[in-house]
Amino acid sequence: MLRELLEEHEFLVLDGALATELEARGYDLEDPLWSARVLLEDPDAIRKVHVDYLKAGADILTTASYQATFQGFRERGLSAGRTRDLLLRSVQLAVEAVAEIGGRGKDGRVGPLVAASIGPYGAYRHDGSEYRGDYEIGTEELVDFHRDRFGCLSATGVDLLALETVPCLSEARAYSHLLREYTAVEAWLSFSCRDDRSLSSGESIQEAVELVDQMERVVAVGVNCTGPQWIDSIVETMKSATSKPIIVYPNSGECWDSLSHGWIEKKRPQIGADLLRRWVDAGAQILGGCCRTGPELVRLIAGLRDS
């Protein structure tokens, strides 16, 4: 369905940050479960955020499952069965939001699509390692870590999986293995990068995209939770290594401090229409926002696309 939707538009509009919006609405996410805490305690708040992103113009919603892992919920005392129910609920909340605005099927419309978010191993660790890639386990252990959630979300009938904030090649290889194991679903895979040449781990972006280019069930590749100042060059590098659609959803340009569990503000480029147009001209076909972005950015992207 992603390919069909891309045929209809110059570029597609992805949603923005879920956690940022929940915090803006008064929810305390200072918790190892992060936004998954709200999935457990007040799921309707998540549905309302999804609706607001759709009203802002999003073509694709990502579910509240980024930090919802079997391991994390088990440490909170939840059974595997309860965790499966919560993962299924994360998808259902997005589906309900689409139905609420009368999106899918209206006037023959293909979207909006629902992408089930799978965050990296570093998100479960809650120590910022998704921005460093300094995992202490290898590909086989990462396959084992992700398998249960991957299998559960793959079986929901979701439009695709969002394999997000991947900081290193070993995690990309783990996803490649799981996509061969679970063949009922397609995915996009987006990396977190430290600059315009390197993943967060320091490994080559070029090498990473060449790896993903060989993954048959990955229908788009890109970058997320990375400073907007790097996006132009990253897109150009990715375009040189793959013919797959490029997806970009940077953060606001601030840096995450894993010691204080907060964002360090620094001088950053304003994400405006000119910058967004540069990304499209460089070859990006799906645009959205990550941490510290909201419906305003999505509204801007949609307005640029529809102008």
C-alpha atoms as a PDB file:
ATOM      1  CA  MET A   1       0.000   0.000   0.000  1.00  0.00           C
ATOM      2  CA  LEU A   2       2.935   2.354   0.552  1.00  0.00           C
ATOM      3  CA  ARG A   3       3.870   2.063  -3.117  1.00  0.00           C
ATOM      4  CA  GLU A   4       0.281   2.816  -4.176  1.00  0.00           C
ATOM      5  CA  LEU A   5       0.160   5.895  -1.977  1.00  0.00           C
ATOM      6  CA  LEU A   6       3.513   7.126  -3.287  1.00  0.00           C
ATOM      7  CA  GLU A   7       2.147   6.931  -6.829  1.00  0.00           C
ATOM      8  CA  GLU A   8      -0.554   9.442  -5.871  1.00  0.00           C
ATOM      9  CA  HIS A   9       1.687  12.155  -4.396  1.00  0.00           C
ATOM     10  CA  GLU A  10       5.007  13.914  -4.900  1.00  0.00           C
ATOM     11  CA  PHE A  11       5.842  12.875  -1.333  1.00  0.00           C
ATOM     12  CA  LEU A  12       4.029  11.459   1.677  1.00  0.00           C
ATOM     13  CA  VAL A  13       3.480  13.025   5.091  1.00  0.00           C
ATOM     14  CA  LEU A  14       4.466  11.048   8.170  1.00  0.00           C
ATOM     15  CA  ASP A  15       3.296  11.994  11.653  1.00  0.00           C
ATOM     16  CA  GLY A  16       5.484  13.627  14.305  1.00  0.00           C
ATOM     17  CA  ALA A  17       6.569  12.732  17.817  1.00  0.00           C
ATOM     18  CA  LEU A  18       4.120  10.871  20.050  1.00  0.00           C
ATOM     19  CA  ALA A  19       5.978  11.310  23.344  1.00  0.00           C
ATOM     20  CA  THR A  20       6.473  15.043  22.800  1.00  0.00           C
ATOM     21  CA  GLU A  21       2.734  15.524  22.321  1.00  0.00           C
ATOM     22  CA  LEU A  22       1.871  13.398  25.338  1.00  0.00           C
ATOM     23  CA  GLU A  23       4.265  15.415  27.504  1.00  0.00           C
ATOM     24  CA  ALA A  24       2.728  18.640  26.178  1.00  0.00           C
ATOM     25  CA  ARG A  25      -0.632  17.317  27.375  1.00  0.00           C
ATOM     26  CA  GLY A  26       0.651  16.771  30.885  1.00  0.00           C
ATOM     27  CA  TYR A  27       1.797  13.141  30.890  1.00  0.00           C
ATOM     28  CA  ASP A  28       4.938  12.255  32.847  1.00  0.00           C
ATOM     29  CA  LEU A  29       7.136  10.019  30.658  1.00  0.00           C
ATOM     30  CA  GLU A  30      10.142   9.917  32.979  1.00  0.00           C
ATOM     31  CA  ASP A  31       9.914   6.159  33.027  1.00  0.00           C
ATOM     32  CA  PRO A  32      11.773   3.252  31.382  1.00  0.00           C
ATOM     33  CA  LEU A  33       8.557   2.501  29.476  1.00  0.00           C
ATOM     34  CA  TRP A  34       8.449   6.075  28.108  1.00  0.00           C
ATOM     35  CA  SER A  35       5.328   6.511  25.911  1.00  0.00           C
ATOM     36  CA  ALA A  36       4.422   2.849  26.481  1.00  0.00           C
ATOM     37  CA  ARG A  37       3.507   3.903  30.020  1.00  0.00           C
ATOM     38  CA  VAL A  38       0.560   5.844  28.579  1.00  0.00           C
ATOM     39  CA  LEU A  39      -0.369   2.843  26.431  1.00  0.00           C
ATOM     40  CA  LEU A  40      -0.714   0.971  29.708  1.00  0.00           C
ATOM     41  CA  GLU A  41      -2.396   3.701  31.780  1.00  0.00           C
ATOM     42  CA  ASP A  42      -4.421   5.947  29.446  1.00  0.00           C
ATOM     43  CA  PRO A  43      -4.539   4.573  25.893  1.00  0.00           C
ATOM     44  CA  ASP A  44      -7.268   6.959  24.749  1.00  0.00           C
ATOM     45  CA  ALA A  45      -4.780   9.824  25.073  1.00  0.00           C
ATOM     46  CA  ILE A  46      -2.728   8.135  22.368  1.00  0.00           C
ATOM     47  CA  ARG A  47      -5.737   7.830  20.072  1.00  0.00           C
ATOM     48  CA  LYS A  48      -6.358  11.563  20.450  1.00  0.00           C
ATOM     49  CA  VAL A  49      -2.765  12.355  19.429  1.00  0.00           C
ATOM     50  CA  HIS A  50      -3.154  10.120  16.382  1.00  0.00           C
ATOM     51  CA  VAL A  51      -6.336  11.975  15.421  1.00  0.00           C
ATOM     52  CA  ASP A  52      -4.617  15.344  15.729  1.00  0.00           C
ATOM     53  CA  TYR A  53      -1.806  14.211  13.442  1.00  0.00           C
ATOM     54  CA  LEU A  54      -4.301  12.983  10.859  1.00  0.00           C
ATOM     55  CA  LYS A  55      -6.145  16.296  11.025  1.00  0.00           C
ATOM     56  CA  ALA A  56      -2.802  18.039  10.478  1.00  0.00           C
ATOM     57  CA  GLY A  57      -2.407  16.100   7.228  1.00  0.00           C
ATOM     58  CA  ALA A  58      -0.490  12.900   8.042  1.00  0.00           C
ATOM     59  CA  ASP A  59      -0.686  10.089   5.487  1.00  0.00           C
ATOM     60  CA  ILE A  60       1.022   7.613   7.845  1.00  0.00           C
ATOM     61  CA  LEU A  61       0.616   7.019  11.580  1.00  0.00           C
ATOM     62  CA  THR A  62       3.196   5.208  13.697  1.00  0.00           C
ATOM     63  CA  THR A  63       1.893   3.231  16.655  1.00  0.00           C
ATOM     64  CA  ALA A  64       2.702   3.659  20.355  1.00  0.00           C
ATOM     65  CA  SER A  65       4.800   0.487  20.434  1.00  0.00           C
ATOM     66  CA  TYR A  66       8.269   2.033  20.070  1.00  0.00           C
ATOM     67  CA  GLN A  67       9.248   1.263  23.662  1.00  0.00           C
ATOM     68  CA  ALA A  68       6.627  -1.417  24.314  1.00  0.00           C
ATOM     69  CA  THR A  69       8.689  -4.583  24.677  1.00  0.00           C
ATOM     70  CA  PHE A  70       8.012  -7.952  26.253  1.00  0.00           C
ATOM     71  CA  GLN A  71      11.134  -7.485  28.361  1.00  0.00           C
ATOM     72  CA  GLY A  72      10.175  -4.017  29.577  1.00  0.00           C
ATOM     73  CA  PHE A  73       6.621  -4.967  30.494  1.00  0.00           C
ATOM     74  CA  ARG A  74       7.821  -8.150  32.191  1.00  0.00           C
ATOM     75  CA  GLU A  75      10.022  -6.012  34.436  1.00  0.00           C
ATOM     76  CA  ARG A  76       6.859  -4.039  35.275  1.00  0.00           C
ATOM     77  CA  GLY A  77       5.195  -7.306  36.316  1.00  0.00           C
ATOM     78  CA  LEU A  78       3.028  -7.884  33.222  1.00  0.00           C
ATOM     79  CA  SER A  79       2.524 -11.306  31.694  1.00  0.00           C
ATOM     80  CA  ALA A  80       3.386 -12.142  28.096  1.00  0.00           C
ATOM     81  CA  GLY A  81      -0.332 -12.354  27.337  1.00  0.00           C
ATOM     82  CA  ARG A  82      -0.966  -8.880  28.724  1.00  0.00           C
ATOM     83  CA  THR A  83       1.953  -7.527  26.718  1.00  0.00           C
ATOM     84  CA  ARG A  84       0.523  -9.015  23.523  1.00  0.00           C
ATOM     85  CA  ASP A  85      -2.797  -7.362  24.299  1.00  0.00           C
ATOM     86  CA  LEU A  86      -1.071  -3.988  24.707  1.00  0.00           C
ATOM     87  CA  LEU A  87       0.836  -4.356  21.443  1.00  0.00           C
ATOM     88  CA  LEU A  88      -2.389  -5.225  19.641  1.00  0.00           C
ATOM     89  CA  ARG A  89      -4.049  -2.255  21.323  1.00  0.00           C
ATOM     90  CA  SER A  90      -1.334   0.084  20.030  1.00  0.00           C
ATOM     91  CA  VAL A  91      -2.275  -0.877  16.477  1.00  0.00           C
ATOM     92  CA  GLN A  92      -5.998  -0.689  17.178  1.00  0.00           C
ATOM     93  CA  LEU A  93      -5.707   2.853  18.541  1.00  0.00           C
ATOM     94  CA  ALA A  94      -4.197   4.026  15.256  1.00  0.00           C
ATOM     95  CA  VAL A  95      -6.817   2.133  13.248  1.00  0.00           C
ATOM     96  CA  GLU A  96      -9.558   3.744  15.335  1.00  0.00           C
ATOM     97  CA  ALA A  97      -8.083   7.183  14.679  1.00  0.00           C
ATOM     98  CA  VAL A  98      -8.130   6.563  10.916  1.00  0.00           C
ATOM     99  CA  ALA A  99     -11.740   5.416  11.147  1.00  0.00           C
ATOM    100  CA  GLU A 100     -12.671   8.470  13.217  1.00  0.00           C
ATOM    101  CA  ILE A 101     -11.634  10.899  10.496  1.00  0.00           C
ATOM    102  CA  GLY A 102     -13.177   8.724   7.776  1.00  0.00           C
ATOM    103  CA  GLY A 103      -9.817   8.379   6.040  1.00  0.00           C
ATOM    104  CA  ARG A 104      -9.339   4.953   4.546  1.00  0.00           C
ATOM    105  CA  GLY A 105     -11.560   4.173   1.601  1.00  0.00           C
ATOM    106  CA  LYS A 106     -13.076   7.654   1.553  1.00  0.00           C
ATOM    107  CA  ASP A 107     -13.457   8.770  -2.065  1.00  0.00           C
ATOM    108  CA  GLY A 108     -11.269   5.832  -3.090  1.00  0.00           C
ATOM    109  CA  ARG A 109      -8.373   6.975  -0.907  1.00  0.00           C
ATOM    110  CA  VAL A 110      -5.668   4.386  -0.171  1.00  0.00           C
ATOM    111  CA  GLY A 111      -4.427   5.861   3.118  1.00  0.00           C
ATOM    112  CA  PRO A 112      -3.830   6.849   5.803  1.00  0.00           C
ATOM    113  CA  LEU A 113      -1.551   3.930   6.560  1.00  0.00           C
ATOM    114  CA  VAL A 114      -0.664   2.502   9.959  1.00  0.00           C
ATOM    115  CA  ALA A 115       2.954   1.548  10.651  1.00  0.00           C
ATOM    116  CA  ALA A 116       3.682  -0.516  13.766  1.00  0.00           C
ATOM    117  CA  SER A 117       6.691   1.030  15.474  1.00  0.00           C
ATOM    118  CA  ILE A 118       9.559  -1.167  16.642  1.00  0.00           C
ATOM    119  CA  GLY A 119      12.154   0.789  18.554  1.00  0.00           C
ATOM    120  CA  PRO A 120      15.771  -0.314  18.948  1.00  0.00           C
ATOM    121  CA  TYR A 121      17.309  -2.357  21.717  1.00  0.00           C
ATOM    122  CA  GLY A 122      18.752   0.867  23.101  1.00  0.00           C
ATOM    123  CA  ALA A 123      15.249   2.217  23.760  1.00  0.00           C
ATOM    124  CA  TYR A 124      14.559  -0.716  26.084  1.00  0.00           C
ATOM    125  CA  ARG A 125      17.839  -0.042  27.887  1.00  0.00           C
ATOM    126  CA  HIS A 126      16.650   3.525  28.509  1.00  0.00           C
ATOM    127  CA  ASP A 127      20.239   4.777  28.541  1.00  0.00           C
ATOM    128  CA  GLY A 128      20.469   6.679  25.257  1.00  0.00           C
ATOM    129  CA  SER A 129      22.385   3.920  23.491  1.00  0.00           C
ATOM    130  CA  GLU A 130      20.116   4.243  20.448  1.00  0.00           C
ATOM    131  CA  TYR A 131      22.090   7.465  19.882  1.00  0.00           C
ATOM    132  CA  ARG A 132      25.456   5.745  20.353  1.00  0.00           C
ATOM    133  CA  GLY A 133      25.025   2.198  19.063  1.00  0.00           C
ATOM    134  CA  ASP A 134      27.359   0.850  21.741  1.00  0.00           C
ATOM    135  CA  TYR A 135      25.424  -2.342  22.350  1.00  0.00           C
ATOM    136  CA  GLU A 136      27.086  -5.092  24.347  1.00  0.00           C
ATOM    137  CA  ILE A 137      25.277  -7.847  22.443  1.00  0.00           C
ATOM    138  CA  GLY A 138      25.553  -9.072  18.862  1.00  0.00           C
ATOM    139  CA  THR A 139      23.182  -9.832  16.015  1.00  0.00           C
ATOM    140  CA  GLU A 140      21.973 -13.200  17.300  1.00  0.00           C
ATOM    141  CA  GLU A 141      21.073 -11.756  20.694  1.00  0.00           C
ATOM    142  CA  LEU A 142      19.307  -8.841  19.008  1.00  0.00           C
ATOM    143  CA  VAL A 143      17.234 -11.277  16.934  1.00  0.00           C
ATOM    144  CA  ASP A 144      16.177 -13.016  20.131  1.00  0.00           C
ATOM    145  CA  PHE A 145      15.375  -9.697  21.818  1.00  0.00           C
ATOM    146  CA  HIS A 146      13.150  -8.443  18.995  1.00  0.00           C
ATOM    147  CA  ARG A 147      11.520 -11.726  17.910  1.00  0.00           C
ATOM    148  CA  ASP A 148       8.401 -11.809  20.120  1.00  0.00           C
ATOM    149  CA  ARG A 149       7.367  -8.206  19.494  1.00  0.00           C
ATOM    150  CA  PHE A 150       8.239  -8.501  15.801  1.00  0.00           C
ATOM    151  CA  GLY A 151       6.092 -11.607  15.439  1.00  0.00           C
ATOM    152  CA  CYS A 152       3.190 -10.150  17.423  1.00  0.00           C
ATOM    153  CA  LEU A 153       3.006  -6.909  15.430  1.00  0.00           C
ATOM    154  CA  SER A 154       3.557  -8.699  12.111  1.00  0.00           C
ATOM    155  CA  ALA A 155       0.435 -10.771  12.748  1.00  0.00           C
ATOM    156  CA  THR A 156      -1.891  -7.790  13.315  1.00  0.00           C
ATOM    157  CA  GLY A 157      -2.517  -7.062   9.631  1.00  0.00           C
ATOM    158  CA  VAL A 158      -0.814  -3.676  10.021  1.00  0.00           C
ATOM    159  CA  ASP A 159       0.166  -1.948   6.776  1.00  0.00           C
ATOM    160  CA  LEU A 160       3.873  -2.138   7.543  1.00  0.00           C
ATOM    161  CA  LEU A 161       6.435  -2.095  10.331  1.00  0.00           C
ATOM    162  CA  ALA A 162       8.499   0.975  11.213  1.00  0.00           C
ATOM    163  CA  LEU A 163      11.949  -0.255  12.261  1.00  0.00           C
ATOM    164  CA  GLU A 164      13.129   2.978  13.794  1.00  0.00           C
ATOM    165  CA  THR A 165      16.209   4.716  15.198  1.00  0.00           C
ATOM    166  CA  VAL A 166      18.541   1.866  14.218  1.00  0.00           C
ATOM    167  CA  PRO A 167      22.020   2.955  15.391  1.00  0.00           C
ATOM    168  CA  CYS A 168      24.238   0.160  14.104  1.00  0.00           C
ATOM    169  CA  LEU A 169      24.666  -2.487  11.423  1.00  0.00           C
ATOM    170  CA  SER A 170      24.206  -5.399  13.821  1.00  0.00           C
ATOM    171  CA  GLU A 171      20.623  -4.327  14.572  1.00  0.00           C
ATOM    172  CA  ALA A 172      19.878  -3.874  10.862  1.00  0.00           C
ATOM    173  CA  ARG A 173      21.166  -7.404  10.268  1.00  0.00           C
ATOM    174  CA  ALA A 174      18.908  -8.679  13.062  1.00  0.00           C
ATOM    175  CA  TYR A 175      15.896  -7.106  11.362  1.00  0.00           C
ATOM    176  CA  SER A 176      16.940  -8.646   8.046  1.00  0.00           C
ATOM    177  CA  HIS A 177      16.838 -12.061   9.691  1.00  0.00           C
ATOM    178  CA  LEU A 178      13.412 -11.442  11.221  1.00  0.00           C
ATOM    179  CA  LEU A 179      11.943 -10.171   7.939  1.00  0.00           C
ATOM    180  CA  ARG A 180      12.928 -13.482   6.369  1.00  0.00           C
ATOM    181  CA  GLU A 181      11.314 -15.294   9.296  1.00  0.00           C
ATOM    182  CA  TYR A 182       8.056 -13.287   9.257  1.00  0.00           C
ATOM    183  CA  THR A 183       7.072 -12.864   5.614  1.00  0.00           C
ATOM    184  CA  ALA A 184       3.534 -11.519   6.026  1.00  0.00           C
ATOM    185  CA  VAL A 185       4.603  -7.900   6.459  1.00  0.00           C
ATOM    186  CA  GLU A 186       6.791  -5.260   4.839  1.00  0.00           C
ATOM    187  CA  ALA A 187       8.760  -2.584   6.657  1.00  0.00           C
ATOM    188  CA  TRP A 188      10.714   0.608   6.435  1.00  0.00           C
ATOM    189  CA  LEU A 189      14.060   0.826   8.208  1.00  0.00           C
ATOM    190  CA  SER A 190      15.403   4.176   9.418  1.00  0.00           C
ATOM    191  CA  PHE A 191      18.797   4.795  10.987  1.00  0.00           C
ATOM    192  CA  SER A 192      19.930   7.247  13.632  1.00  0.00           C
ATOM    193  CA  CYS A 193      23.054   9.111  12.535  1.00  0.00           C
ATOM    194  CA  ARG A 194      25.741  11.178  14.283  1.00  0.00           C
ATOM    195  CA  ASP A 195      26.541  13.232  11.175  1.00  0.00           C
ATOM    196  CA  ASP A 196      26.131  13.070   7.400  1.00  0.00           C
ATOM    197  CA  ARG A 197      28.514  10.138   6.944  1.00  0.00           C
ATOM    198  CA  SER A 198      28.103   7.901   9.971  1.00  0.00           C
ATOM    199  CA  LEU A 199      25.470   6.003  11.877  1.00  0.00           C
ATOM    200  CA  SER A 200      25.296   6.674  15.599  1.00  0.00           C
ATOM    201  CA  SER A 201      27.708   3.744  15.998  1.00  0.00           C
ATOM    202  CA  GLY A 202      30.258   5.391  13.715  1.00  0.00           C
ATOM    203  CA  GLU A 203      29.665   2.855  10.936  1.00  0.00           C
ATOM    204  CA  SER A 204      29.185   4.024   7.359  1.00  0.00           C
ATOM    205  CA  ILE A 205      25.754   5.258   6.228  1.00  0.00           C
ATOM    206  CA  GLN A 206      26.666   4.141   2.713  1.00  0.00           C
ATOM    207  CA  GLU A 207      27.378   0.604   3.917  1.00  0.00           C
ATOM    208  CA  ALA A 208      24.177   0.563   5.962  1.00  0.00           C
ATOM    209  CA  VAL A 209      21.996   1.536   2.997  1.00  0.00           C
ATOM    210  CA  GLU A 210      23.727  -0.952   0.714  1.00  0.00           C
ATOM    211  CA  LEU A 211      22.850  -3.629   3.293  1.00  0.00           C
ATOM    212  CA  VAL A 212      19.197  -2.545   3.439  1.00  0.00           C
ATOM    213  CA  ASP A 213      19.002  -2.355  -0.350  1.00  0.00           C
ATOM    214  CA  GLN A 214      19.349  -6.150  -0.381  1.00  0.00           C
ATOM    215  CA  MET A 215      16.393  -6.635   2.007  1.00  0.00           C
ATOM    216  CA  GLU A 216      13.465  -7.555  -0.202  1.00  0.00           C
ATOM    217  CA  ARG A 217      10.751  -6.798   2.346  1.00  0.00           C
ATOM    218  CA  VAL A 218      12.075  -3.356   3.237  1.00  0.00           C
ATOM    219  CA  VAL A 219      10.068  -0.932   1.089  1.00  0.00           C
ATOM    220  CA  ALA A 220      11.727   2.306   2.247  1.00  0.00           C
ATOM    221  CA  VAL A 221      14.953   3.287   3.995  1.00  0.00           C
ATOM    222  CA  GLY A 222      15.862   6.474   5.750  1.00  0.00           C
ATOM    223  CA  VAL A 223      16.934   8.431   8.788  1.00  0.00           C
ATOM    224  CA  ASN A 224      15.165   9.553  11.951  1.00  0.00           C
ATOM    225  CA  CYS A 225      15.935  11.233  15.283  1.00  0.00           C
ATOM    226  CA  THR A 226      18.927  12.922  13.682  1.00  0.00           C
ATOM    227  CA  GLY A 227      19.694  16.650  13.496  1.00  0.00           C
ATOM    228  CA  PRO A 228      18.049  18.424  10.551  1.00  0.00           C
ATOM    229  CA  GLN A 229      21.385  19.946   9.531  1.00  0.00           C
ATOM    230  CA  TRP A 230      22.543  16.555   8.248  1.00  0.00           C
ATOM    231  CA  ILE A 231      19.476  15.500   6.291  1.00  0.00           C
ATOM    232  CA  ASP A 232      20.308  16.935   2.841  1.00  0.00           C
ATOM    233  CA  SER A 233      23.630  15.146   2.632  1.00  0.00           C
ATOM    234  CA  ILE A 234      22.296  11.918   4.148  1.00  0.00           C
ATOM    235  CA  VAL A 235      19.497  11.763   1.575  1.00  0.00           C
ATOM    236  CA  GLU A 236      21.994  12.258  -1.251  1.00  0.00           C
ATOM    237  CA  THR A 237      24.151   9.424   0.102  1.00  0.00           C
ATOM    238  CA  MET A 238      21.164   7.137   0.462  1.00  0.00           C
ATOM    239  CA  LYS A 239      19.917   7.910  -3.050  1.00  0.00           C
ATOM    240  CA  SER A 240      23.306   6.888  -4.429  1.00  0.00           C
ATOM    241  CA  ALA A 241      23.057   3.482  -2.730  1.00  0.00           C
ATOM    242  CA  THR A 242      19.429   2.434  -3.281  1.00  0.00           C
ATOM    243  CA  SER A 243      16.389   2.902  -5.471  1.00  0.00           C
ATOM    244  CA  LYS A 244      14.058   2.386  -2.507  1.00  0.00           C
ATOM    245  CA  PRO A 245      12.009   5.411  -1.372  1.00  0.00           C
ATOM    246  CA  ILE A 246      13.820   7.571   1.188  1.00  0.00           C
ATOM    247  CA  ILE A 247      12.056   8.468   4.445  1.00  0.00           C
ATOM    248  CA  VAL A 248      13.275  11.299   6.693  1.00  0.00           C
ATOM    249  CA  TYR A 249      11.945  12.391  10.061  1.00  0.00           C
ATOM    250  CA  PRO A 250      14.564  14.317  12.004  1.00  0.00           C
ATOM    251  CA  ASN A 251      14.346  15.542  15.552  1.00  0.00           C
ATOM    252  CA  SER A 252      14.301  19.258  16.358  1.00  0.00           C
ATOM    253  CA  GLY A 253      18.100  19.456  16.362  1.00  0.00           C
ATOM    254  CA  GLU A 254      18.652  19.184  20.104  1.00  0.00           C
ATOM    255  CA  CYS A 255      20.842  16.518  21.709  1.00  0.00           C
ATOM    256  CA  TRP A 256      19.674  13.884  24.192  1.00  0.00           C
ATOM    257  CA  ASP A 257      21.623  13.728  27.464  1.00  0.00           C
ATOM    258  CA  SER A 258      21.334  10.175  28.774  1.00  0.00           C
ATOM    259  CA  LEU A 259      22.630  11.207  32.231  1.00  0.00           C
ATOM    260  CA  SER A 260      20.042  13.889  32.897  1.00  0.00           C
ATOM    261  CA  HIS A 261      17.375  12.229  30.697  1.00  0.00           C
ATOM    262  CA  GLY A 262      16.701  15.523  28.989  1.00  0.00           C
ATOM    263  CA  TRP A 263      17.230  17.439  25.757  1.00  0.00           C
ATOM    264  CA  ILE A 264      20.128  19.866  25.521  1.00  0.00           C
ATOM    265  CA  GLU A 265      19.088  22.883  23.498  1.00  0.00           C
ATOM    266  CA  LYS A 266      21.590  24.170  20.989  1.00  0.00           C
ATOM    267  CA  LYS A 267      21.519  26.461  18.002  1.00  0.00           C
ATOM    268  CA  ARG A 268      19.767  24.563  15.277  1.00  0.00           C
ATOM    269  CA  PRO A 269      18.255  25.146  11.849  1.00  0.00           C
ATOM    270  CA  GLN A 270      14.586  26.017  11.844  1.00  0.00           C
ATOM    271  CA  ILE A 271      12.648  23.335   9.966  1.00  0.00           C
ATOM    272  CA  GLY A 272      10.790  25.549   7.532  1.00  0.00           C
ATOM    273  CA  ALA A 273       9.393  25.222   4.049  1.00  0.00           C
ATOM    274  CA  ASP A 274      12.718  25.984   2.373  1.00  0.00           C
ATOM    275  CA  LEU A 275      14.542  23.242   4.274  1.00  0.00           C
ATOM    276  CA  LEU A 276      11.754  20.725   3.647  1.00  0.00           C
ATOM    277  CA  ARG A 277      11.814  21.534  -0.076  1.00  0.00           C
ATOM    278  CA  ARG A 278      15.583  20.946  -0.129  1.00  0.00           C
ATOM    279  CA  TRP A 279      15.035  17.481   1.317  1.00  0.00           C
ATOM    280  CA  VAL A 280      12.414  16.684  -1.309  1.00  0.00           C
ATOM    281  CA  ASP A 281      14.658  18.005  -4.074  1.00  0.00           C
ATOM    282  CA  ALA A 282      17.476  15.815  -2.736  1.00  0.00           C
ATOM    283  CA  GLY A 283      15.225  12.775  -3.118  1.00  0.00           C
ATOM    284  CA  ALA A 284      13.190  12.310   0.074  1.00  0.00           C
ATOM    285  CA  GLN A 285       9.760  10.834  -0.645  1.00  0.00           C
ATOM    286  CA  ILE A 286       8.345  10.525   2.890  1.00  0.00           C
ATOM    287  CA  LEU A 287       8.737  13.378   5.396  1.00  0.00           C
ATOM    288  CA  GLY A 288       7.772  13.719   9.038  1.00  0.00           C
ATOM    289  CA  GLY A 289       9.166  14.570  12.447  1.00  0.00           C
ATOM    290  CA  CYS A 290      10.719  12.774  15.400  1.00  0.00           C
ATOM    291  CA  CYS A 291      11.494  13.972  18.955  1.00  0.00           C
ATOM    292  CA  ARG A 292      10.449  17.529  19.856  1.00  0.00           C
ATOM    293  CA  THR A 293       8.263  17.938  16.768  1.00  0.00           C
ATOM    294  CA  GLY A 294       4.480  18.055  16.634  1.00  0.00           C
ATOM    295  CA  PRO A 295       1.378  18.665  14.527  1.00  0.00           C
ATOM    296  CA  GLU A 296       2.673  22.098  13.468  1.00  0.00           C
ATOM    297  CA  LEU A 297       5.498  20.497  11.485  1.00  0.00           C
ATOM    298  CA  VAL A 298       3.151  17.917   9.980  1.00  0.00           C
ATOM    299  CA  ARG A 299       0.769  20.708   8.973  1.00  0.00           C
ATOM    300  CA  LEU A 300       3.676  22.550   7.317  1.00  0.00           C
ATOM    301  CA  ILE A 301       4.784  19.458   5.388  1.00  0.00           C
ATOM    302  CA  ALA A 302       1.232  18.727   4.241  1.00  0.00           C
ATOM    303  CA  GLY A 303       0.768  22.336   3.162  1.00  0.00           C
ATOM    304  CA  LEU A 304       3.987  22.220   1.148  1.00  0.00           C
ATOM    305  CA  ARG A 305       2.875  19.021  -0.559  1.00  0.00           C
ATOM    306  CA  ASP A 306      -0.603  20.301  -1.349  1.00  0.00           C
ATOM    307  CA  SER A 307       0.412  23.810  -2.453  1.00  0.00           C
END
